[in-house]
Amino acid sequence: DVEVSVAGRAFLVTGANSGIGKAAAKEIARRGGTVHLVCRNKERAEVAKEEIVTETGNQNIFLHIVDISNPKEIWKFAEKFKNEHKLNVLINNAGCMVNNRELTEDGLEKNFATNTLGTYVLTTALLPLLEKEADARVITVSSGGMLVQKLNISDLQSGNGTFDGTMVYAQNKRQQVVLTEQWAKSHRNIHFSVMHPGWADTPAVRSSMPDFYQKMKNTLRTEAQGADTVVWLAVSPEATKFPSGLFFQDRQPVPTHLPLASTHSPPEDEEKLMEVLEEFSQKFKSTSPG
């Protein structure tokens, strides 16, 4: 399914300087795609770009330094990007799991700012660009961890009760599933999907889940194995034969709720999430120049 050429198609991958993001970017570059790497750390990003160019021989690799936890910065980047580039496929891979409650300079809880709001702002800002292209796709890297969480819109910034970074992350990942389902309904000519990469040996897992990593390190997937479904969703003609809005694991759609788990939420909660994110998003848009 993935032995295809994607020359002439443009892909944007967030969090592309390590782990699953970098592995996916490399596989797409190997197939001739133009790849835009969106990273926060300039030094690490330049090393990753160099490695991708060297290993794939593909020169069409572009670097953009953007902090996905900063909505103003995302808006600014997206406005500029829309004027200069085309885009066929967006891969929302950037994420974080901060184990203590930290706020960004905008006063946003860091996990929410990166995983949920950042994904929302970047995607909605780039939808007009994607709408122009044939076979446009949006893929969001979520996590099976979301299966333990029911959408909770009453405390999006985790200000109440004790803060548990793992659960906050899982809640954000549930929110990404809801976003994908909602977008799929309202943007019919773009193919949306969300996926669980399996538990892979990535820098993020090592740093944010050290106990889990120590216990599981001999059974974890490689980064390339974790990225396989992302690449398949991004390049394969087979992927878009499935309906838009599904949750994938190992190239197959899988349920977004465990049997008997009471994690289903009423439609009005899902709509409310979209409204709240749109409000946040507009608030940060209006303050950016231009």
C-alpha atoms as a PDB file:
ATOM      1  CA  ASP A   1       0.000   0.000   0.000  1.00  0.00           C
ATOM      2  CA  VAL A   2       2.775   2.452   0.777  1.00  0.00           C
ATOM      3  CA  GLU A   3       5.078   1.717  -2.144  1.00  0.00           C
ATOM      4  CA  VAL A   4       3.916   4.791  -4.000  1.00  0.00           C
ATOM      5  CA  SER A   5       5.492   7.980  -5.279  1.00  0.00           C
ATOM      6  CA  VAL A   6       4.106  11.178  -3.769  1.00  0.00           C
ATOM      7  CA  ALA A   7       6.268  13.519  -5.831  1.00  0.00           C
ATOM      8  CA  GLY A   8       4.514  16.828  -6.313  1.00  0.00           C
ATOM      9  CA  ARG A   9       2.503  16.482  -3.099  1.00  0.00           C
ATOM     10  CA  ALA A  10       3.238  18.625  -0.043  1.00  0.00           C
ATOM     11  CA  PHE A  11       3.166  17.333   3.537  1.00  0.00           C
ATOM     12  CA  LEU A  12       3.436  19.258   6.789  1.00  0.00           C
ATOM     13  CA  VAL A  13       4.557  17.333   9.892  1.00  0.00           C
ATOM     14  CA  THR A  14       4.573  18.905  13.363  1.00  0.00           C
ATOM     15  CA  GLY A  15       6.999  17.708  16.028  1.00  0.00           C
ATOM     16  CA  ALA A  16       9.178  16.380  13.238  1.00  0.00           C
ATOM     17  CA  ASN A  17      12.610  16.552  14.826  1.00  0.00           C
ATOM     18  CA  SER A  18      12.435  13.229  16.686  1.00  0.00           C
ATOM     19  CA  GLY A  19      10.390  10.116  17.334  1.00  0.00           C
ATOM     20  CA  ILE A  20       7.380   9.257  15.211  1.00  0.00           C
ATOM     21  CA  GLY A  21       7.270  12.663  13.504  1.00  0.00           C
ATOM     22  CA  LYS A  22      10.797  12.357  12.187  1.00  0.00           C
ATOM     23  CA  ALA A  23      10.330   8.717  11.156  1.00  0.00           C
ATOM     24  CA  ALA A  24       7.157   9.626   9.215  1.00  0.00           C
ATOM     25  CA  ALA A  25       8.786  12.656   7.582  1.00  0.00           C
ATOM     26  CA  LYS A  26      11.697  10.492   6.452  1.00  0.00           C
ATOM     27  CA  GLU A  27       9.440   7.840   4.883  1.00  0.00           C
ATOM     28  CA  ILE A  28       7.444  10.513   3.030  1.00  0.00           C
ATOM     29  CA  ALA A  29      10.678  12.143   1.833  1.00  0.00           C
ATOM     30  CA  ARG A  30      11.856   8.748   0.535  1.00  0.00           C
ATOM     31  CA  ARG A  31       8.722   8.618  -1.623  1.00  0.00           C
ATOM     32  CA  GLY A  32       9.477  11.995  -3.198  1.00  0.00           C
ATOM     33  CA  GLY A  33       7.090  14.200  -1.219  1.00  0.00           C
ATOM     34  CA  THR A  34       7.838  17.829  -0.378  1.00  0.00           C
ATOM     35  CA  VAL A  35       8.052  17.854   3.423  1.00  0.00           C
ATOM     36  CA  HIS A  36       7.603  20.826   5.743  1.00  0.00           C
ATOM     37  CA  LEU A  37       9.004  20.110   9.186  1.00  0.00           C
ATOM     38  CA  VAL A  38       7.413  22.191  11.933  1.00  0.00           C
ATOM     39  CA  CYS A  39       9.552  22.094  15.069  1.00  0.00           C
ATOM     40  CA  ARG A  40      10.065  24.122  18.209  1.00  0.00           C
ATOM     41  CA  ASN A  41      13.813  23.680  18.735  1.00  0.00           C
ATOM     42  CA  LYS A  42      15.915  25.142  15.915  1.00  0.00           C
ATOM     43  CA  GLU A  43      19.157  23.255  16.615  1.00  0.00           C
ATOM     44  CA  ARG A  44      17.524  19.822  16.877  1.00  0.00           C
ATOM     45  CA  ALA A  45      15.342  20.577  13.870  1.00  0.00           C
ATOM     46  CA  GLU A  46      18.337  21.436  11.689  1.00  0.00           C
ATOM     47  CA  VAL A  47      20.030  18.162  12.636  1.00  0.00           C
ATOM     48  CA  ALA A  48      16.832  16.245  11.774  1.00  0.00           C
ATOM     49  CA  LYS A  49      16.443  18.044   8.435  1.00  0.00           C
ATOM     50  CA  GLU A  50      20.063  17.289   7.530  1.00  0.00           C
ATOM     51  CA  GLU A  51      19.571  13.623   8.385  1.00  0.00           C
ATOM     52  CA  ILE A  52      16.393  13.367   6.276  1.00  0.00           C
ATOM     53  CA  VAL A  53      18.007  15.049   3.253  1.00  0.00           C
ATOM     54  CA  THR A  54      21.139  12.902   3.520  1.00  0.00           C
ATOM     55  CA  GLU A  55      19.327   9.595   3.979  1.00  0.00           C
ATOM     56  CA  THR A  56      16.637  10.133   1.346  1.00  0.00           C
ATOM     57  CA  GLY A  57      18.424  12.308  -1.201  1.00  0.00           C
ATOM     58  CA  ASN A  58      15.294  14.497  -1.248  1.00  0.00           C
ATOM     59  CA  GLN A  59      16.173  18.211  -1.276  1.00  0.00           C
ATOM     60  CA  ASN A  60      12.569  19.413  -0.918  1.00  0.00           C
ATOM     61  CA  ILE A  61      12.639  19.502   2.872  1.00  0.00           C
ATOM     62  CA  PHE A  62      11.690  22.793   4.510  1.00  0.00           C
ATOM     63  CA  LEU A  63      12.014  23.865   8.104  1.00  0.00           C
ATOM     64  CA  HIS A  64       9.655  26.103  10.089  1.00  0.00           C
ATOM     65  CA  ILE A  65      10.305  26.985  13.719  1.00  0.00           C
ATOM     66  CA  VAL A  66       6.982  27.226  15.546  1.00  0.00           C
ATOM     67  CA  ASP A  67       5.960  26.514  19.130  1.00  0.00           C
ATOM     68  CA  ILE A  68       2.692  24.577  18.898  1.00  0.00           C
ATOM     69  CA  SER A  69       1.813  25.592  22.483  1.00  0.00           C
ATOM     70  CA  ASN A  70       1.689  29.237  21.359  1.00  0.00           C
ATOM     71  CA  PRO A  71      -1.534  29.969  19.424  1.00  0.00           C
ATOM     72  CA  LYS A  72      -0.441  33.478  18.322  1.00  0.00           C
ATOM     73  CA  GLU A  73       2.720  32.019  16.806  1.00  0.00           C
ATOM     74  CA  ILE A  74       0.715  29.294  15.012  1.00  0.00           C
ATOM     75  CA  TRP A  75      -1.628  31.863  13.459  1.00  0.00           C
ATOM     76  CA  LYS A  76       1.286  33.973  12.276  1.00  0.00           C
ATOM     77  CA  PHE A  77       3.013  30.940  10.789  1.00  0.00           C
ATOM     78  CA  ALA A  78      -0.163  29.691   9.072  1.00  0.00           C
ATOM     79  CA  GLU A  79      -0.956  33.051   7.462  1.00  0.00           C
ATOM     80  CA  LYS A  80       2.559  33.241   6.015  1.00  0.00           C
ATOM     81  CA  PHE A  81       2.562  29.572   4.966  1.00  0.00           C
ATOM     82  CA  LYS A  82      -0.736  29.974   3.091  1.00  0.00           C
ATOM     83  CA  ASN A  83       0.758  32.709   0.911  1.00  0.00           C
ATOM     84  CA  GLU A  84       3.909  30.799   0.034  1.00  0.00           C
ATOM     85  CA  HIS A  85       3.103  27.087  -0.221  1.00  0.00           C
ATOM     86  CA  LYS A  86       0.521  24.533  -1.171  1.00  0.00           C
ATOM     87  CA  LEU A  87      -0.485  21.700   1.150  1.00  0.00           C
ATOM     88  CA  ASN A  88      -1.960  18.266   0.489  1.00  0.00           C
ATOM     89  CA  VAL A  89      -1.488  16.516   3.813  1.00  0.00           C
ATOM     90  CA  LEU A  90      -1.261  17.826   7.384  1.00  0.00           C
ATOM     91  CA  ILE A  91       0.141  15.517  10.063  1.00  0.00           C
ATOM     92  CA  ASN A  92      -0.544  16.754  13.601  1.00  0.00           C
ATOM     93  CA  ASN A  93       2.096  14.868  15.533  1.00  0.00           C
ATOM     94  CA  ALA A  94       3.512  17.416  18.008  1.00  0.00           C
ATOM     95  CA  GLY A  95       2.464  16.644  21.551  1.00  0.00           C
ATOM     96  CA  CYS A  96       3.623  16.843  25.115  1.00  0.00           C
ATOM     97  CA  MET A  97       2.996  15.193  28.444  1.00  0.00           C
ATOM     98  CA  VAL A  98       3.961  17.577  31.217  1.00  0.00           C
ATOM     99  CA  ASN A  99       3.601  15.865  34.575  1.00  0.00           C
ATOM    100  CA  ASN A 100       3.172  19.012  36.676  1.00  0.00           C
ATOM    101  CA  ARG A 101       0.669  21.766  35.970  1.00  0.00           C
ATOM    102  CA  GLU A 102       2.603  24.423  34.030  1.00  0.00           C
ATOM    103  CA  LEU A 103       1.222  27.481  32.280  1.00  0.00           C
ATOM    104  CA  THR A 104       2.396  28.978  28.997  1.00  0.00           C
ATOM    105  CA  GLU A 105       3.058  32.710  28.663  1.00  0.00           C
ATOM    106  CA  ASP A 106      -0.588  33.050  27.581  1.00  0.00           C
ATOM    107  CA  GLY A 107      -1.759  31.472  30.835  1.00  0.00           C
ATOM    108  CA  LEU A 108      -2.761  28.196  29.161  1.00  0.00           C
ATOM    109  CA  GLU A 109      -2.112  24.813  30.748  1.00  0.00           C
ATOM    110  CA  LYS A 110       0.764  23.395  28.714  1.00  0.00           C
ATOM    111  CA  ASN A 111      -0.612  19.973  27.739  1.00  0.00           C
ATOM    112  CA  PHE A 112      -3.936  21.471  26.632  1.00  0.00           C
ATOM    113  CA  ALA A 113      -2.173  24.312  24.781  1.00  0.00           C
ATOM    114  CA  THR A 114      -0.002  21.911  22.777  1.00  0.00           C
ATOM    115  CA  ASN A 115      -2.110  18.800  22.280  1.00  0.00           C
ATOM    116  CA  THR A 116      -5.596  20.236  21.889  1.00  0.00           C
ATOM    117  CA  LEU A 117      -5.593  23.961  21.194  1.00  0.00           C
ATOM    118  CA  GLY A 118      -2.402  23.869  19.093  1.00  0.00           C
ATOM    119  CA  THR A 119      -3.801  21.038  16.974  1.00  0.00           C
ATOM    120  CA  TYR A 120      -7.090  22.905  16.615  1.00  0.00           C
ATOM    121  CA  VAL A 121      -5.563  26.258  15.638  1.00  0.00           C
ATOM    122  CA  LEU A 122      -3.073  24.841  13.139  1.00  0.00           C
ATOM    123  CA  THR A 123      -5.670  22.625  11.475  1.00  0.00           C
ATOM    124  CA  THR A 124      -8.403  25.253  11.205  1.00  0.00           C
ATOM    125  CA  ALA A 125      -5.883  27.843   9.967  1.00  0.00           C
ATOM    126  CA  LEU A 126      -4.696  25.512   7.194  1.00  0.00           C
ATOM    127  CA  LEU A 127      -8.083  24.090   6.152  1.00  0.00           C
ATOM    128  CA  PRO A 128      -8.589  26.742   3.417  1.00  0.00           C
ATOM    129  CA  LEU A 129      -5.272  25.669   1.877  1.00  0.00           C
ATOM    130  CA  LEU A 130      -6.166  21.973   2.069  1.00  0.00           C
ATOM    131  CA  GLU A 131      -9.636  22.636   0.601  1.00  0.00           C
ATOM    132  CA  LYS A 132      -7.964  23.726  -2.658  1.00  0.00           C
ATOM    133  CA  GLU A 133      -6.218  20.391  -3.257  1.00  0.00           C
ATOM    134  CA  ALA A 134      -7.333  17.027  -4.561  1.00  0.00           C
ATOM    135  CA  ASP A 135      -7.029  14.135  -2.089  1.00  0.00           C
ATOM    136  CA  ALA A 136      -6.296  16.386   0.898  1.00  0.00           C
ATOM    137  CA  ARG A 137      -5.783  14.629   4.230  1.00  0.00           C
ATOM    138  CA  VAL A 138      -5.391  15.485   7.897  1.00  0.00           C
ATOM    139  CA  ILE A 139      -3.884  12.882  10.229  1.00  0.00           C
ATOM    140  CA  THR A 140      -3.631  13.413  13.977  1.00  0.00           C
ATOM    141  CA  VAL A 141      -1.393  11.231  16.129  1.00  0.00           C
ATOM    142  CA  SER A 142      -3.430  10.420  19.223  1.00  0.00           C
ATOM    143  CA  SER A 143      -2.944   7.568  21.682  1.00  0.00           C
ATOM    144  CA  GLY A 144      -4.754   4.481  22.895  1.00  0.00           C
ATOM    145  CA  GLY A 145      -4.472   6.128  26.310  1.00  0.00           C
ATOM    146  CA  MET A 146      -7.531   8.157  25.339  1.00  0.00           C
ATOM    147  CA  LEU A 147      -9.681   5.038  25.772  1.00  0.00           C
ATOM    148  CA  VAL A 148      -9.652   5.553  29.563  1.00  0.00           C
ATOM    149  CA  GLN A 149     -11.068   9.082  29.290  1.00  0.00           C
ATOM    150  CA  LYS A 150     -14.525  10.443  28.661  1.00  0.00           C
ATOM    151  CA  LEU A 151     -14.587  13.910  27.112  1.00  0.00           C
ATOM    152  CA  ASN A 152     -14.654  16.453  29.943  1.00  0.00           C
ATOM    153  CA  ILE A 153     -15.393  19.992  28.810  1.00  0.00           C
ATOM    154  CA  SER A 154     -15.938  21.409  32.291  1.00  0.00           C
ATOM    155  CA  ASP A 155     -12.230  21.662  33.123  1.00  0.00           C
ATOM    156  CA  LEU A 156     -10.250  21.939  29.882  1.00  0.00           C
ATOM    157  CA  GLN A 157      -7.217  23.419  31.626  1.00  0.00           C
ATOM    158  CA  SER A 158      -7.136  20.932  34.502  1.00  0.00           C
ATOM    159  CA  GLY A 159      -7.363  23.593  37.179  1.00  0.00           C
ATOM    160  CA  ASN A 160      -9.515  21.538  39.568  1.00  0.00           C
ATOM    161  CA  GLY A 161      -8.447  18.696  41.836  1.00  0.00           C
ATOM    162  CA  THR A 162      -5.070  16.984  41.792  1.00  0.00           C
ATOM    163  CA  PHE A 163      -3.126  17.224  38.565  1.00  0.00           C
ATOM    164  CA  ASP A 164      -2.231  13.924  36.890  1.00  0.00           C
ATOM    165  CA  GLY A 165      -0.176  14.526  33.742  1.00  0.00           C
ATOM    166  CA  THR A 166      -0.881  11.085  32.295  1.00  0.00           C
ATOM    167  CA  MET A 167      -4.642  11.520  32.642  1.00  0.00           C
ATOM    168  CA  VAL A 168      -4.536  15.090  31.310  1.00  0.00           C
ATOM    169  CA  TYR A 169      -2.638  13.789  28.274  1.00  0.00           C
ATOM    170  CA  ALA A 170      -5.208  11.004  27.814  1.00  0.00           C
ATOM    171  CA  GLN A 171      -8.020  13.578  28.027  1.00  0.00           C
ATOM    172  CA  ASN A 172      -6.294  15.710  25.355  1.00  0.00           C
ATOM    173  CA  LYS A 173      -5.973  12.625  23.168  1.00  0.00           C
ATOM    174  CA  ARG A 174      -9.724  11.940  23.585  1.00  0.00           C
ATOM    175  CA  GLN A 175     -10.318  15.574  22.563  1.00  0.00           C
ATOM    176  CA  GLN A 176      -8.273  14.991  19.383  1.00  0.00           C
ATOM    177  CA  VAL A 177     -10.539  12.054  18.486  1.00  0.00           C
ATOM    178  CA  VAL A 178     -13.607  14.278  18.933  1.00  0.00           C
ATOM    179  CA  LEU A 179     -12.011  17.049  16.834  1.00  0.00           C
ATOM    180  CA  THR A 180     -11.335  14.584  14.027  1.00  0.00           C
ATOM    181  CA  GLU A 181     -14.911  13.284  14.056  1.00  0.00           C
ATOM    182  CA  GLN A 182     -16.324  16.821  14.067  1.00  0.00           C
ATOM    183  CA  TRP A 183     -14.051  18.051  11.258  1.00  0.00           C
ATOM    184  CA  ALA A 184     -14.931  15.012   9.157  1.00  0.00           C
ATOM    185  CA  LYS A 185     -18.604  16.033   9.360  1.00  0.00           C
ATOM    186  CA  SER A 186     -18.059  19.649   8.361  1.00  0.00           C
ATOM    187  CA  HIS A 187     -15.301  19.327   5.715  1.00  0.00           C
ATOM    188  CA  ARG A 188     -16.441  16.619   3.354  1.00  0.00           C
ATOM    189  CA  ASN A 189     -13.729  16.980   0.738  1.00  0.00           C
ATOM    190  CA  ILE A 190     -10.828  16.426   3.159  1.00  0.00           C
ATOM    191  CA  HIS A 191     -10.067  12.982   4.582  1.00  0.00           C
ATOM    192  CA  PHE A 192      -9.562  13.137   8.360  1.00  0.00           C
ATOM    193  CA  SER A 193      -8.130  10.377  10.507  1.00  0.00           C
ATOM    194  CA  VAL A 194      -6.683   9.946  13.971  1.00  0.00           C
ATOM    195  CA  MET A 195      -4.451   7.085  15.076  1.00  0.00           C
ATOM    196  CA  HIS A 196      -2.688   5.222  17.872  1.00  0.00           C
ATOM    197  CA  PRO A 197       0.939   4.471  16.956  1.00  0.00           C
ATOM    198  CA  GLY A 198       1.210   1.655  19.495  1.00  0.00           C
ATOM    199  CA  TRP A 199       3.687   2.135  22.335  1.00  0.00           C
ATOM    200  CA  ALA A 200       6.980   3.055  20.708  1.00  0.00           C
ATOM    201  CA  ASP A 201      10.447   3.727  22.060  1.00  0.00           C
ATOM    202  CA  THR A 202      10.532   7.491  21.495  1.00  0.00           C
ATOM    203  CA  PRO A 203      12.287  10.307  23.373  1.00  0.00           C
ATOM    204  CA  ALA A 204       8.857  11.502  24.545  1.00  0.00           C
ATOM    205  CA  VAL A 205       7.975   8.149  26.132  1.00  0.00           C
ATOM    206  CA  ARG A 206      11.406   7.938  27.773  1.00  0.00           C
ATOM    207  CA  SER A 207      11.216  11.402  29.299  1.00  0.00           C
ATOM    208  CA  SER A 208       7.565  11.690  30.293  1.00  0.00           C
ATOM    209  CA  MET A 209       6.841   8.067  31.296  1.00  0.00           C
ATOM    210  CA  PRO A 210      10.146   6.811  32.772  1.00  0.00           C
ATOM    211  CA  ASP A 211       8.597   4.045  34.935  1.00  0.00           C
ATOM    212  CA  PHE A 212       6.522   2.718  32.066  1.00  0.00           C
ATOM    213  CA  TYR A 213       9.598   2.888  29.829  1.00  0.00           C
ATOM    214  CA  GLN A 214      11.785   0.908  32.250  1.00  0.00           C
ATOM    215  CA  LYS A 215       9.152  -1.811  32.591  1.00  0.00           C
ATOM    216  CA  MET A 216       8.295  -2.035  28.910  1.00  0.00           C
ATOM    217  CA  LYS A 217      11.449  -1.054  27.047  1.00  0.00           C
ATOM    218  CA  ASN A 218      12.128  -4.532  25.645  1.00  0.00           C
ATOM    219  CA  THR A 219       8.660  -4.825  24.102  1.00  0.00           C
ATOM    220  CA  LEU A 220       8.232  -1.305  22.714  1.00  0.00           C
ATOM    221  CA  ARG A 221       8.002  -0.686  18.973  1.00  0.00           C
ATOM    222  CA  THR A 222      10.685   1.148  17.067  1.00  0.00           C
ATOM    223  CA  GLU A 223       9.965   4.701  15.938  1.00  0.00           C
ATOM    224  CA  ALA A 224       9.567   3.457  12.361  1.00  0.00           C
ATOM    225  CA  GLN A 225       7.000   0.850  13.457  1.00  0.00           C
ATOM    226  CA  GLY A 226       5.145   3.548  15.396  1.00  0.00           C
ATOM    227  CA  ALA A 227       5.140   5.761  12.303  1.00  0.00           C
ATOM    228  CA  ASP A 228       3.938   3.036   9.907  1.00  0.00           C
ATOM    229  CA  THR A 229       0.205   3.814  10.162  1.00  0.00           C
ATOM    230  CA  VAL A 230       0.888   7.564   9.923  1.00  0.00           C
ATOM    231  CA  VAL A 231       2.761   7.015   6.652  1.00  0.00           C
ATOM    232  CA  TRP A 232       0.049   4.668   5.382  1.00  0.00           C
ATOM    233  CA  LEU A 233      -2.685   7.203   6.198  1.00  0.00           C
ATOM    234  CA  ALA A 234      -0.644   9.964   4.533  1.00  0.00           C
ATOM    235  CA  VAL A 235       0.352   8.298   1.259  1.00  0.00           C
ATOM    236  CA  SER A 236      -1.695   5.187   0.560  1.00  0.00           C
ATOM    237  CA  PRO A 237      -4.646   5.218  -1.849  1.00  0.00           C
ATOM    238  CA  GLU A 238      -6.159   2.463   0.341  1.00  0.00           C
ATOM    239  CA  ALA A 239      -6.482   4.690   3.421  1.00  0.00           C
ATOM    240  CA  THR A 240      -8.997   7.042   1.847  1.00  0.00           C
ATOM    241  CA  LYS A 241     -11.297   4.172   0.918  1.00  0.00           C
ATOM    242  CA  PHE A 242     -12.292   4.183   4.588  1.00  0.00           C
ATOM    243  CA  PRO A 243     -14.773   6.833   5.741  1.00  0.00           C
ATOM    244  CA  SER A 244     -13.344  10.089   7.060  1.00  0.00           C
ATOM    245  CA  GLY A 245     -13.134  10.603  10.834  1.00  0.00           C
ATOM    246  CA  LEU A 246     -12.050   7.128  11.979  1.00  0.00           C
ATOM    247  CA  PHE A 247      -9.502   6.061  14.616  1.00  0.00           C
ATOM    248  CA  PHE A 248      -6.788   3.711  13.290  1.00  0.00           C
ATOM    249  CA  GLN A 249      -4.283   1.303  14.720  1.00  0.00           C
ATOM    250  CA  ASP A 250      -2.024  -0.916  12.596  1.00  0.00           C
ATOM    251  CA  ARG A 251      -3.675   0.322   9.376  1.00  0.00           C
ATOM    252  CA  GLN A 252      -7.136  -0.743  10.595  1.00  0.00           C
ATOM    253  CA  PRO A 253     -10.016   1.314  11.973  1.00  0.00           C
ATOM    254  CA  VAL A 254     -10.630   0.423  15.635  1.00  0.00           C
ATOM    255  CA  PRO A 255     -13.378   1.461  18.076  1.00  0.00           C
ATOM    256  CA  THR A 256     -12.903   4.739  19.957  1.00  0.00           C
ATOM    257  CA  HIS A 257     -14.540   3.325  23.096  1.00  0.00           C
ATOM    258  CA  LEU A 258     -13.824   0.133  25.030  1.00  0.00           C
ATOM    259  CA  PRO A 259     -16.762  -2.224  25.576  1.00  0.00           C
ATOM    260  CA  LEU A 260     -18.631  -1.347  28.804  1.00  0.00           C
ATOM    261  CA  ALA A 261     -16.502   1.746  29.418  1.00  0.00           C
ATOM    262  CA  SER A 262     -18.820   4.689  29.980  1.00  0.00           C
ATOM    263  CA  THR A 263     -16.729   7.050  27.859  1.00  0.00           C
ATOM    264  CA  HIS A 264     -19.391   8.119  25.358  1.00  0.00           C
ATOM    265  CA  SER A 265     -20.326  11.766  25.608  1.00  0.00           C
ATOM    266  CA  PRO A 266     -23.486  13.549  24.472  1.00  0.00           C
ATOM    267  CA  PRO A 267     -23.278  15.306  21.083  1.00  0.00           C
ATOM    268  CA  GLU A 268     -23.808  18.691  22.728  1.00  0.00           C
ATOM    269  CA  ASP A 269     -20.565  18.241  24.719  1.00  0.00           C
ATOM    270  CA  GLU A 270     -18.690  17.555  21.496  1.00  0.00           C
ATOM    271  CA  GLU A 271     -20.197  20.621  19.855  1.00  0.00           C
ATOM    272  CA  LYS A 272     -19.390  22.678  22.941  1.00  0.00           C
ATOM    273  CA  LEU A 273     -15.725  21.611  22.735  1.00  0.00           C
ATOM    274  CA  MET A 274     -15.577  22.949  19.169  1.00  0.00           C
ATOM    275  CA  GLU A 275     -17.201  26.231  20.231  1.00  0.00           C
ATOM    276  CA  VAL A 276     -14.827  26.762  23.148  1.00  0.00           C
ATOM    277  CA  LEU A 277     -11.759  26.013  21.017  1.00  0.00           C
ATOM    278  CA  GLU A 278     -13.019  28.348  18.313  1.00  0.00           C
ATOM    279  CA  GLU A 279     -13.416  31.141  20.901  1.00  0.00           C
ATOM    280  CA  PHE A 280      -9.887  30.569  22.226  1.00  0.00           C
ATOM    281  CA  SER A 281      -8.563  30.413  18.704  1.00  0.00           C
ATOM    282  CA  GLN A 282     -10.159  33.694  17.610  1.00  0.00           C
ATOM    283  CA  LYS A 283      -8.984  35.423  20.775  1.00  0.00           C
ATOM    284  CA  PHE A 284      -5.369  34.699  19.869  1.00  0.00           C
ATOM    285  CA  LYS A 285      -5.866  35.428  16.204  1.00  0.00           C
ATOM    286  CA  SER A 286      -7.146  38.944  16.763  1.00  0.00           C
ATOM    287  CA  THR A 287      -4.052  39.941  18.726  1.00  0.00           C
ATOM    288  CA  SER A 288      -1.581  38.902  16.057  1.00  0.00           C
ATOM    289  CA  PRO A 289      -0.412  41.560  13.580  1.00  0.00           C
ATOM    290  CA  GLY A 290      -2.217  41.540  10.248  1.00  0.00           C
END
